[in-house]
Structures are given as structure tokens and as C-alpha cells.
């Protein structure tokens, strides 16, 4: 498996070097909620990802909530980037686990205080099982933390924009009224 990962990563590196326009990628996700509860379905490249809230936050507890998925995205991205760089560098990794946690003050989410609605901090521990030297794994960890897209996104300020469109039920013309724009 490591050889196929190495070949895939090396082919991607070569393709982007030869055609820099390939580096500009766009990823998409759409979410849908057509029931009165908190259950949501997200669709990404043909995959369906359920989203819900735990019972103590008013949900049905049928799936992870959005902030848990954010932590899972960080862990998953870390593991993938570890595998990619390890394959290219010839570092054997038997297994990787990332345990992420985020601290959040629900006062912000609930509108009860002027505190951030999102995480106030995120931490993670990466457990790597490998016969490689501590120096090799340290070098690998430095590369991963520098090049992990999700960690990069979480640790720097990026513009986020959005808008709200209102459509009336049963309107066959599909008329849309733009109500507001997000930040």
C-alpha cells in the first residue's frame, strides 16, 4: 500500500510541477435539512454524511455533530498527510491514531453571552506506531503540521462569506430573494 501511496503522491507532485494550474482545486459540500429536527445530511462527491446533535443539545443523537466532524476532519487530514509524506520519505508507519478535542463555551452558541460560538481551543495527540527513529518521526511531524490543509485552515484567518436566499414553498418559477450576506 505504501508503494501505491508513494506513486500517487509523486505523480501528483509531478503533474502540478508540469501544470501549476492543477494546484488550484475547489472542494464542495452540500447539506440538506428537510425535517423539523437537527438531523442533517451532507453530500460530498456522492458520499452521504449524516449530521445530528447529541440528545443533551436537543438532537436525536443519530450522528456526530458539526464540531465533532471538524475535529474528525483535523484527525483524518493529519493521518492522510502523515501517510503521504511517510511514503515519499520511505518511513514505515504501521498505524496512526489522532485524538482531537475542542473546548467550546455553549453560551456563545446559545446567544447567552458575548463569547465566541466556536471552539476556544483545539488540541490533538497523534500516536504513531513505527520502527523509524524518533528523529525521523519528529521531522515527519514537522512536515505534517506545516502541510496539513485542515490544520492550516484552522490556524490562520481566512475569509468566509455566504448569503441567505429565500424561496417561497411551491413557487414553480423558483424566484429567490437574497435576505442577507454572512460576515
N, C-alpha and C. Protein backbone atom coordinates (compact mmCIF):
# COMPACT_ATOMS: atom_id res chain seq x y z
N UNK A 1 0.83 -1.20 0.00
CA UNK A 1 0.00 0.00 0.00
C UNK A 1 0.87 1.26 0.00
N UNK A 2 1.95 1.25 0.77
CA UNK A 2 2.82 2.41 0.84
C UNK A 2 3.41 2.76 -0.52
N UNK A 3 3.71 1.72 -1.32
CA UNK A 3 4.25 1.98 -2.66
C UNK A 3 3.23 2.67 -3.55
N UNK A 4 1.96 2.27 -3.45
CA UNK A 4 0.94 2.91 -4.27
C UNK A 4 0.68 4.34 -3.80
N UNK A 5 0.76 4.56 -2.49
CA UNK A 5 0.61 5.93 -1.98
C UNK A 5 1.77 6.78 -2.48
N UNK A 6 2.98 6.23 -2.38
CA UNK A 6 4.16 6.97 -2.83
C UNK A 6 4.03 7.33 -4.31
N UNK A 7 3.63 6.37 -5.12
CA UNK A 7 3.48 6.61 -6.56
C UNK A 7 2.40 7.66 -6.81
N UNK A 8 1.28 7.57 -6.11
CA UNK A 8 0.20 8.55 -6.28
C UNK A 8 0.66 9.96 -5.92
N UNK A 9 1.35 10.09 -4.79
CA UNK A 9 1.82 11.40 -4.35
C UNK A 9 2.87 11.94 -5.32
N UNK A 10 3.81 11.08 -5.71
CA UNK A 10 4.85 11.52 -6.66
C UNK A 10 4.25 11.92 -8.00
N UNK A 11 3.24 11.18 -8.47
CA UNK A 11 2.56 11.55 -9.73
C UNK A 11 1.85 12.89 -9.60
N UNK A 12 1.22 13.12 -8.45
CA UNK A 12 0.54 14.40 -8.23
C UNK A 12 1.55 15.54 -8.19
N UNK A 13 2.66 15.35 -7.48
CA UNK A 13 3.71 16.37 -7.43
C UNK A 13 4.20 16.70 -8.83
N UNK A 14 4.46 15.68 -9.61
CA UNK A 14 4.96 15.88 -10.98
C UNK A 14 3.92 16.59 -11.85
N UNK A 15 2.66 16.19 -11.72
CA UNK A 15 1.60 16.81 -12.51
C UNK A 15 1.47 18.30 -12.19
N UNK A 16 1.53 18.65 -10.90
CA UNK A 16 1.41 20.05 -10.50
C UNK A 16 2.64 20.84 -10.92
N UNK A 17 3.82 20.23 -10.83
CA UNK A 17 5.04 20.91 -11.31
C UNK A 17 4.94 21.22 -12.80
N UNK A 18 4.41 20.26 -13.57
CA UNK A 18 4.31 20.42 -15.02
C UNK A 18 3.16 21.33 -15.44
N UNK A 19 2.13 21.40 -14.62
CA UNK A 19 0.98 22.24 -14.93
C UNK A 19 0.49 22.90 -13.64
N UNK A 20 1.08 24.03 -13.25
CA UNK A 20 0.75 24.67 -11.98
C UNK A 20 -0.73 24.99 -11.80
N UNK A 21 -1.48 25.13 -12.88
CA UNK A 21 -2.91 25.42 -12.76
C UNK A 21 -3.66 24.28 -12.06
N UNK A 22 -3.11 23.07 -12.11
CA UNK A 22 -3.75 21.93 -11.45
C UNK A 22 -3.78 22.09 -9.93
N UNK A 23 -2.91 22.94 -9.40
CA UNK A 23 -2.83 23.13 -7.95
C UNK A 23 -4.05 23.84 -7.38
N UNK A 24 -4.75 24.59 -8.21
CA UNK A 24 -5.91 25.36 -7.74
C UNK A 24 -7.16 24.49 -7.79
N UNK A 25 -7.44 23.84 -6.68
CA UNK A 25 -8.57 22.91 -6.59
C UNK A 25 -9.72 23.56 -5.84
N UNK A 26 -10.91 23.10 -6.13
CA UNK A 26 -12.11 23.54 -5.43
C UNK A 26 -12.79 22.29 -4.90
N UNK A 27 -13.07 22.29 -3.60
CA UNK A 27 -13.80 21.19 -2.98
C UNK A 27 -15.18 21.70 -2.62
N UNK A 28 -16.18 20.83 -2.66
CA UNK A 28 -17.55 21.24 -2.41
C UNK A 28 -18.25 20.28 -1.46
N UNK A 29 -19.17 20.81 -0.70
CA UNK A 29 -20.05 20.00 0.14
C UNK A 29 -21.40 20.71 0.19
N UNK A 30 -22.46 19.94 0.18
CA UNK A 30 -23.80 20.50 0.32
C UNK A 30 -24.49 19.79 1.47
N UNK A 31 -25.27 20.53 2.22
CA UNK A 31 -26.02 19.94 3.32
C UNK A 31 -27.50 20.20 3.13
N UNK A 32 -28.31 19.29 3.64
CA UNK A 32 -29.76 19.35 3.45
C UNK A 32 -30.46 19.02 4.76
N UNK A 33 -31.44 19.84 5.11
CA UNK A 33 -32.26 19.59 6.30
C UNK A 33 -33.70 19.86 5.91
N UNK A 34 -34.47 18.81 5.77
CA UNK A 34 -35.87 18.99 5.39
C UNK A 34 -36.80 18.34 6.40
N UNK A 35 -36.37 18.36 7.66
CA UNK A 35 -37.21 17.86 8.74
C UNK A 35 -37.10 18.86 9.89
N UNK A 36 -38.03 18.81 10.84
CA UNK A 36 -38.02 19.82 11.91
C UNK A 36 -36.92 19.60 12.96
N UNK A 37 -36.26 18.47 12.98
CA UNK A 37 -35.22 18.21 13.97
C UNK A 37 -33.87 18.73 13.54
N UNK A 38 -32.83 18.27 14.23
CA UNK A 38 -31.47 18.71 13.94
C UNK A 38 -30.73 17.77 13.01
N UNK A 39 -31.38 16.73 12.52
CA UNK A 39 -30.66 15.82 11.63
C UNK A 39 -30.48 16.48 10.27
N UNK A 40 -29.27 16.34 9.75
CA UNK A 40 -28.87 16.95 8.50
C UNK A 40 -28.14 15.88 7.70
N UNK A 41 -28.21 15.97 6.40
CA UNK A 41 -27.39 15.09 5.57
C UNK A 41 -26.49 15.97 4.72
N UNK A 42 -25.25 15.58 4.66
CA UNK A 42 -24.28 16.30 3.85
C UNK A 42 -23.91 15.40 2.69
N UNK A 43 -23.78 15.98 1.52
CA UNK A 43 -23.38 15.21 0.35
C UNK A 43 -22.08 15.78 -0.19
N UNK A 44 -21.11 14.89 -0.32
CA UNK A 44 -19.77 15.25 -0.76
C UNK A 44 -19.32 14.21 -1.79
N UNK A 45 -19.14 14.60 -3.03
CA UNK A 45 -18.67 13.70 -4.10
C UNK A 45 -19.43 12.38 -4.14
N UNK A 46 -20.72 12.41 -3.92
CA UNK A 46 -21.51 11.19 -3.97
C UNK A 46 -21.59 10.43 -2.65
N UNK A 47 -20.88 10.89 -1.64
CA UNK A 47 -20.96 10.29 -0.31
C UNK A 47 -21.98 11.05 0.52
N UNK A 48 -22.73 10.33 1.33
CA UNK A 48 -23.68 10.96 2.24
C UNK A 48 -23.14 10.84 3.66
N UNK A 49 -23.09 11.97 4.35
CA UNK A 49 -22.58 12.02 5.71
C UNK A 49 -23.71 12.54 6.60
N UNK A 50 -24.19 11.72 7.54
CA UNK A 50 -25.23 12.21 8.45
C UNK A 50 -24.64 13.13 9.52
N UNK A 51 -25.43 14.10 9.93
CA UNK A 51 -25.04 15.03 10.98
C UNK A 51 -26.24 15.20 11.91
N UNK A 52 -25.99 15.27 13.20
CA UNK A 52 -27.04 15.44 14.19
C UNK A 52 -26.41 16.08 15.42
N UNK A 53 -27.18 16.29 16.43
CA UNK A 53 -26.69 16.78 17.72
C UNK A 53 -26.95 15.70 18.77
N UNK A 54 -26.13 15.69 19.82
CA UNK A 54 -26.41 14.75 20.91
C UNK A 54 -27.73 15.11 21.59
N UNK A 55 -28.30 14.17 22.29
CA UNK A 55 -29.59 14.40 22.96
C UNK A 55 -29.52 15.60 23.92
N UNK A 56 -28.41 15.73 24.66
CA UNK A 56 -28.33 16.83 25.63
C UNK A 56 -28.24 18.21 24.97
N UNK A 57 -28.05 18.25 23.64
CA UNK A 57 -28.09 19.52 22.91
C UNK A 57 -29.33 19.61 22.02
N UNK A 58 -30.32 18.73 22.27
CA UNK A 58 -31.59 18.81 21.58
C UNK A 58 -31.73 17.94 20.35
N UNK A 59 -30.71 17.16 20.04
CA UNK A 59 -30.77 16.31 18.86
C UNK A 59 -31.28 14.91 19.15
N UNK A 60 -31.20 14.07 18.14
CA UNK A 60 -31.63 12.67 18.26
C UNK A 60 -30.45 11.74 18.51
N UNK A 61 -29.24 12.26 18.46
CA UNK A 61 -28.00 11.50 18.68
C UNK A 61 -27.85 10.35 17.69
N UNK A 62 -28.16 10.64 16.42
CA UNK A 62 -28.04 9.61 15.38
C UNK A 62 -26.73 9.72 14.59
N UNK A 63 -25.97 10.79 14.83
CA UNK A 63 -24.74 11.00 14.08
C UNK A 63 -23.91 12.06 14.81
N UNK A 64 -22.64 12.22 14.41
CA UNK A 64 -21.82 13.27 15.01
C UNK A 64 -22.37 14.66 14.69
N UNK A 65 -22.03 15.62 15.55
CA UNK A 65 -22.46 16.99 15.26
C UNK A 65 -21.37 17.71 14.46
N UNK A 66 -21.66 18.90 13.96
CA UNK A 66 -20.69 19.58 13.09
C UNK A 66 -19.33 19.83 13.73
N UNK A 67 -19.28 20.21 15.01
CA UNK A 67 -17.98 20.47 15.62
C UNK A 67 -17.20 19.18 15.84
N UNK A 68 -17.89 18.08 16.08
CA UNK A 68 -17.20 16.78 16.17
C UNK A 68 -16.64 16.39 14.81
N UNK A 69 -17.38 16.67 13.75
CA UNK A 69 -16.88 16.38 12.40
C UNK A 69 -15.68 17.25 12.05
N UNK A 70 -15.65 18.47 12.57
CA UNK A 70 -14.48 19.33 12.37
C UNK A 70 -13.25 18.70 13.02
N UNK A 71 -13.41 18.19 14.25
CA UNK A 71 -12.30 17.52 14.93
C UNK A 71 -11.90 16.25 14.16
N UNK A 72 -12.89 15.52 13.66
CA UNK A 72 -12.60 14.31 12.87
C UNK A 72 -11.87 14.68 11.58
N UNK A 73 -12.25 15.81 10.96
CA UNK A 73 -11.57 16.25 9.75
C UNK A 73 -10.11 16.58 10.04
N UNK A 74 -9.84 17.21 11.17
CA UNK A 74 -8.47 17.51 11.54
C UNK A 74 -7.67 16.21 11.72
N UNK A 75 -8.23 15.27 12.47
CA UNK A 75 -7.53 14.00 12.68
C UNK A 75 -7.34 13.22 11.40
N UNK A 76 -8.36 13.15 10.59
CA UNK A 76 -8.26 12.43 9.32
C UNK A 76 -7.24 13.05 8.38
N UNK A 77 -7.23 14.38 8.32
CA UNK A 77 -6.28 15.07 7.47
C UNK A 77 -4.86 14.83 7.96
N UNK A 78 -4.65 14.90 9.27
CA UNK A 78 -3.33 14.63 9.83
C UNK A 78 -2.85 13.24 9.42
N UNK A 79 -3.71 12.25 9.58
CA UNK A 79 -3.33 10.87 9.27
C UNK A 79 -2.99 10.69 7.78
N UNK A 80 -3.77 11.31 6.92
CA UNK A 80 -3.52 11.21 5.48
C UNK A 80 -2.20 11.87 5.12
N UNK A 81 -1.94 13.05 5.68
CA UNK A 81 -0.70 13.76 5.37
C UNK A 81 0.50 13.00 5.95
N UNK A 82 0.34 12.38 7.13
CA UNK A 82 1.41 11.52 7.65
C UNK A 82 1.71 10.40 6.66
N UNK A 83 0.67 9.73 6.20
CA UNK A 83 0.87 8.62 5.26
C UNK A 83 1.54 9.08 3.97
N UNK A 84 1.10 10.22 3.45
CA UNK A 84 1.65 10.71 2.18
C UNK A 84 3.13 11.05 2.31
N UNK A 85 3.49 11.83 3.32
CA UNK A 85 4.89 12.22 3.48
C UNK A 85 5.75 11.02 3.88
N UNK A 86 5.22 10.15 4.72
CA UNK A 86 5.99 8.96 5.12
C UNK A 86 6.29 8.09 3.90
N UNK A 87 5.32 7.93 3.01
CA UNK A 87 5.53 7.11 1.82
C UNK A 87 6.62 7.71 0.94
N UNK A 88 6.57 9.00 0.72
CA UNK A 88 7.57 9.66 -0.13
C UNK A 88 8.96 9.60 0.51
N UNK A 89 9.02 9.74 1.83
CA UNK A 89 10.31 9.74 2.52
C UNK A 89 10.82 8.32 2.85
N UNK A 90 9.99 7.31 2.58
CA UNK A 90 10.40 5.94 2.86
C UNK A 90 10.35 5.59 4.33
N UNK A 91 9.49 6.24 5.09
CA UNK A 91 9.32 5.95 6.52
C UNK A 91 8.17 4.97 6.68
N UNK A 92 8.45 3.83 7.29
CA UNK A 92 7.42 2.81 7.50
C UNK A 92 6.55 3.20 8.70
N UNK A 93 5.25 3.26 8.48
CA UNK A 93 4.31 3.52 9.56
C UNK A 93 3.31 2.38 9.59
N UNK A 94 3.21 1.73 10.73
CA UNK A 94 2.25 0.63 10.87
C UNK A 94 0.85 1.14 11.15
N UNK A 95 0.75 2.12 12.04
CA UNK A 95 -0.57 2.69 12.32
C UNK A 95 -0.43 4.11 12.87
N UNK A 96 -1.51 4.84 12.73
CA UNK A 96 -1.59 6.22 13.22
C UNK A 96 -2.95 6.40 13.87
N UNK A 97 -2.97 7.09 14.98
CA UNK A 97 -4.22 7.48 15.62
C UNK A 97 -4.10 8.95 15.99
N UNK A 98 -5.15 9.70 15.77
CA UNK A 98 -5.18 11.09 16.22
C UNK A 98 -6.39 11.23 17.13
N UNK A 99 -6.14 11.76 18.31
CA UNK A 99 -7.20 12.01 19.28
C UNK A 99 -7.28 13.53 19.45
N UNK A 100 -8.38 14.10 18.95
CA UNK A 100 -8.56 15.55 18.98
C UNK A 100 -9.67 15.93 19.95
N UNK A 101 -9.51 17.08 20.58
CA UNK A 101 -10.58 17.59 21.43
C UNK A 101 -10.64 19.10 21.30
N UNK A 102 -11.83 19.62 21.44
CA UNK A 102 -12.03 21.06 21.35
C UNK A 102 -12.83 21.55 22.53
N UNK A 103 -12.47 22.71 23.02
CA UNK A 103 -13.20 23.33 24.13
C UNK A 103 -14.13 24.40 23.56
N UNK A 104 -15.38 24.34 24.00
CA UNK A 104 -16.37 25.28 23.48
C UNK A 104 -17.24 25.76 24.64
N UNK A 105 -17.56 27.03 24.64
CA UNK A 105 -18.45 27.63 25.64
C UNK A 105 -19.82 27.76 24.98
N UNK A 106 -20.78 26.97 25.42
CA UNK A 106 -22.10 26.96 24.80
C UNK A 106 -22.87 28.27 24.97
N UNK A 107 -22.39 29.17 25.84
CA UNK A 107 -23.03 30.48 25.96
C UNK A 107 -23.03 31.20 24.61
N UNK A 108 -21.95 31.08 23.85
CA UNK A 108 -21.86 31.74 22.55
C UNK A 108 -22.83 31.16 21.54
N UNK A 109 -22.88 29.84 21.45
CA UNK A 109 -23.79 29.16 20.53
C UNK A 109 -25.24 29.50 20.87
N UNK A 110 -25.56 29.55 22.16
CA UNK A 110 -26.93 29.78 22.59
C UNK A 110 -27.31 31.27 22.66
N UNK A 111 -26.36 32.15 22.37
CA UNK A 111 -26.64 33.58 22.41
C UNK A 111 -26.82 34.12 23.82
N UNK A 112 -26.23 33.47 24.81
CA UNK A 112 -26.40 33.88 26.20
C UNK A 112 -25.29 34.80 26.70
N UNK A 113 -24.22 34.92 25.93
CA UNK A 113 -23.12 35.79 26.32
C UNK A 113 -22.32 36.17 25.07
N UNK A 114 -21.59 37.25 25.16
CA UNK A 114 -20.75 37.70 24.05
C UNK A 114 -19.41 36.98 24.10
N UNK A 115 -19.45 35.69 23.83
CA UNK A 115 -18.24 34.87 23.73
C UNK A 115 -18.31 34.17 22.37
N UNK A 116 -17.18 33.73 21.84
CA UNK A 116 -17.21 33.05 20.54
C UNK A 116 -18.14 31.83 20.56
N UNK A 117 -18.84 31.63 19.45
CA UNK A 117 -19.74 30.48 19.33
C UNK A 117 -18.98 29.19 19.05
N UNK A 118 -17.78 29.31 18.54
CA UNK A 118 -16.99 28.13 18.18
C UNK A 118 -15.99 27.75 19.25
N UNK A 119 -15.08 26.87 18.85
CA UNK A 119 -14.05 26.40 19.77
C UNK A 119 -13.18 27.55 20.26
N UNK A 120 -12.83 27.50 21.54
CA UNK A 120 -11.86 28.44 22.09
C UNK A 120 -10.46 27.87 21.99
N UNK A 121 -10.37 26.55 21.90
CA UNK A 121 -9.07 25.89 21.69
C UNK A 121 -9.31 24.48 21.16
N UNK A 122 -8.34 24.00 20.43
CA UNK A 122 -8.36 22.63 19.91
C UNK A 122 -6.98 22.04 20.21
N UNK A 123 -6.96 20.81 20.67
CA UNK A 123 -5.69 20.13 20.88
C UNK A 123 -5.81 18.72 20.32
N UNK A 124 -4.68 18.14 20.00
CA UNK A 124 -4.70 16.77 19.50
C UNK A 124 -3.42 16.05 19.89
N UNK A 125 -3.53 14.75 19.98
CA UNK A 125 -2.38 13.88 20.22
C UNK A 125 -2.34 12.87 19.09
N UNK A 126 -1.19 12.76 18.46
CA UNK A 126 -1.00 11.80 17.38
C UNK A 126 -0.15 10.65 17.89
N UNK A 127 -0.65 9.44 17.74
CA UNK A 127 0.08 8.25 18.15
C UNK A 127 0.53 7.52 16.88
N UNK A 128 1.83 7.41 16.71
CA UNK A 128 2.41 6.77 15.52
C UNK A 128 3.10 5.49 15.95
N UNK A 129 2.74 4.38 15.31
CA UNK A 129 3.44 3.12 15.54
C UNK A 129 4.36 2.91 14.34
N UNK A 130 5.68 2.93 14.62
CA UNK A 130 6.66 2.86 13.56
C UNK A 130 7.99 2.37 14.11
N UNK A 131 8.75 1.70 13.28
CA UNK A 131 10.10 1.29 13.66
C UNK A 131 11.11 2.39 13.33
N UNK A 132 10.66 3.51 12.80
CA UNK A 132 11.55 4.62 12.44
C UNK A 132 12.13 5.26 13.69
N UNK A 133 13.20 5.99 13.52
CA UNK A 133 13.85 6.67 14.64
C UNK A 133 12.99 7.84 15.11
N UNK A 134 13.17 8.21 16.39
CA UNK A 134 12.46 9.40 16.89
C UNK A 134 12.76 10.65 16.05
N UNK A 135 13.98 10.78 15.56
CA UNK A 135 14.34 11.93 14.74
C UNK A 135 13.54 11.95 13.43
N UNK A 136 13.39 10.77 12.81
CA UNK A 136 12.62 10.69 11.56
C UNK A 136 11.16 11.05 11.79
N UNK A 137 10.59 10.56 12.88
CA UNK A 137 9.19 10.85 13.17
C UNK A 137 9.02 12.33 13.54
N UNK A 138 9.99 12.90 14.24
CA UNK A 138 9.93 14.32 14.57
C UNK A 138 9.97 15.17 13.30
N UNK A 139 10.84 14.81 12.36
CA UNK A 139 10.92 15.51 11.08
C UNK A 139 9.60 15.36 10.32
N UNK A 140 9.06 14.16 10.34
CA UNK A 140 7.78 13.89 9.68
C UNK A 140 6.67 14.72 10.30
N UNK A 141 6.62 14.77 11.64
CA UNK A 141 5.59 15.54 12.33
C UNK A 141 5.66 17.02 11.97
N UNK A 142 6.87 17.55 11.85
CA UNK A 142 7.05 18.95 11.46
C UNK A 142 6.48 19.19 10.06
N UNK A 143 6.76 18.28 9.15
CA UNK A 143 6.23 18.40 7.78
C UNK A 143 4.70 18.34 7.79
N UNK A 144 4.15 17.40 8.55
CA UNK A 144 2.69 17.22 8.59
C UNK A 144 2.02 18.47 9.14
N UNK A 145 2.53 18.98 10.25
CA UNK A 145 1.89 20.14 10.86
C UNK A 145 2.02 21.38 9.98
N UNK A 146 3.04 21.43 9.15
CA UNK A 146 3.20 22.55 8.23
C UNK A 146 2.31 22.41 6.99
N UNK A 147 2.03 21.17 6.57
CA UNK A 147 1.36 20.96 5.29
C UNK A 147 -0.05 20.34 5.38
N UNK A 148 -0.57 20.14 6.57
CA UNK A 148 -1.93 19.60 6.73
C UNK A 148 -2.95 20.69 6.39
N UNK A 149 -3.74 20.52 5.32
CA UNK A 149 -4.69 21.57 4.93
C UNK A 149 -5.71 21.94 6.01
N UNK A 150 -6.21 20.97 6.75
CA UNK A 150 -7.21 21.30 7.77
C UNK A 150 -6.56 22.06 8.92
N UNK A 151 -5.40 21.62 9.37
CA UNK A 151 -4.71 22.36 10.44
C UNK A 151 -4.37 23.77 9.97
N UNK A 152 -3.91 23.90 8.75
CA UNK A 152 -3.59 25.22 8.21
C UNK A 152 -4.84 26.10 8.20
N UNK A 153 -5.96 25.56 7.76
CA UNK A 153 -7.21 26.33 7.71
C UNK A 153 -7.65 26.77 9.10
N UNK A 154 -7.47 25.89 10.09
CA UNK A 154 -7.89 26.21 11.45
C UNK A 154 -6.97 27.21 12.14
N UNK A 155 -5.73 27.31 11.71
CA UNK A 155 -4.77 28.13 12.45
C UNK A 155 -4.48 29.48 11.82
N UNK A 156 -5.13 29.80 10.72
CA UNK A 156 -4.94 31.13 10.15
C UNK A 156 -6.29 31.72 9.79
N UNK A 157 -6.33 33.01 9.73
CA UNK A 157 -7.58 33.69 9.40
C UNK A 157 -7.81 33.60 7.89
N UNK A 158 -8.98 33.12 7.52
CA UNK A 158 -9.35 33.06 6.10
C UNK A 158 -10.71 33.71 5.90
N UNK A 159 -10.95 34.29 4.74
CA UNK A 159 -12.26 34.88 4.50
C UNK A 159 -13.33 33.78 4.35
N UNK A 160 -14.44 34.01 4.98
CA UNK A 160 -15.61 33.12 4.84
C UNK A 160 -16.77 34.02 4.48
N UNK A 161 -17.46 33.70 3.41
CA UNK A 161 -18.60 34.51 3.01
C UNK A 161 -19.77 33.60 2.70
N UNK A 162 -20.93 34.16 2.72
CA UNK A 162 -22.14 33.40 2.43
C UNK A 162 -23.31 34.33 2.23
N UNK A 163 -24.41 33.77 1.82
CA UNK A 163 -25.62 34.57 1.67
C UNK A 163 -26.81 33.67 1.99
N UNK A 164 -27.91 34.28 2.30
CA UNK A 164 -29.16 33.58 2.58
C UNK A 164 -30.11 33.89 1.45
N UNK A 165 -30.67 32.84 0.83
CA UNK A 165 -31.66 33.01 -0.23
C UNK A 165 -32.99 32.47 0.27
N UNK A 166 -34.04 33.26 0.10
CA UNK A 166 -35.38 32.85 0.49
C UNK A 166 -36.15 32.43 -0.75
N UNK A 167 -36.69 31.22 -0.71
CA UNK A 167 -37.56 30.73 -1.78
C UNK A 167 -38.90 30.39 -1.15
N UNK A 168 -39.97 30.77 -1.80
CA UNK A 168 -41.30 30.50 -1.26
C UNK A 168 -41.72 29.07 -1.60
N UNK A 169 -42.36 28.37 -0.66
CA UNK A 169 -42.81 26.99 -0.93
C UNK A 169 -43.76 26.96 -2.12
N UNK A 170 -43.56 25.98 -2.96
CA UNK A 170 -44.45 25.79 -4.10
C UNK A 170 -44.28 26.80 -5.21
N UNK A 171 -43.28 27.63 -5.18
CA UNK A 171 -43.07 28.63 -6.23
C UNK A 171 -42.42 27.93 -7.43
N UNK A 172 -43.20 27.67 -8.48
CA UNK A 172 -42.64 26.93 -9.62
C UNK A 172 -41.57 27.72 -10.38
N UNK A 173 -41.60 29.06 -10.27
CA UNK A 173 -40.63 29.87 -11.00
C UNK A 173 -39.27 29.85 -10.31
N UNK A 174 -39.26 29.41 -9.06
CA UNK A 174 -38.01 29.36 -8.32
C UNK A 174 -37.44 30.74 -8.02
N UNK A 175 -38.34 31.72 -7.83
CA UNK A 175 -37.88 33.07 -7.50
C UNK A 175 -37.11 33.04 -6.19
N UNK A 176 -36.02 33.78 -6.16
CA UNK A 176 -35.16 33.81 -4.98
C UNK A 176 -35.00 35.24 -4.53
N UNK A 177 -35.13 35.45 -3.22
CA UNK A 177 -34.87 36.75 -2.63
C UNK A 177 -33.64 36.60 -1.75
N UNK A 178 -32.62 37.42 -2.00
CA UNK A 178 -31.44 37.39 -1.15
C UNK A 178 -31.74 38.23 0.08
N UNK A 179 -31.64 37.61 1.24
CA UNK A 179 -32.00 38.27 2.50
C UNK A 179 -30.80 38.99 3.10
N UNK A 180 -29.69 38.31 3.21
CA UNK A 180 -28.53 38.87 3.89
C UNK A 180 -27.26 38.14 3.43
N UNK A 181 -26.17 38.72 3.74
CA UNK A 181 -24.90 38.06 3.48
C UNK A 181 -24.22 37.79 4.80
N UNK A 182 -23.58 36.63 4.91
CA UNK A 182 -22.85 36.30 6.13
C UNK A 182 -21.53 37.07 6.14
N UNK A 183 -21.16 37.55 7.27
CA UNK A 183 -19.92 38.29 7.51
C UNK A 183 -19.22 38.63 6.25
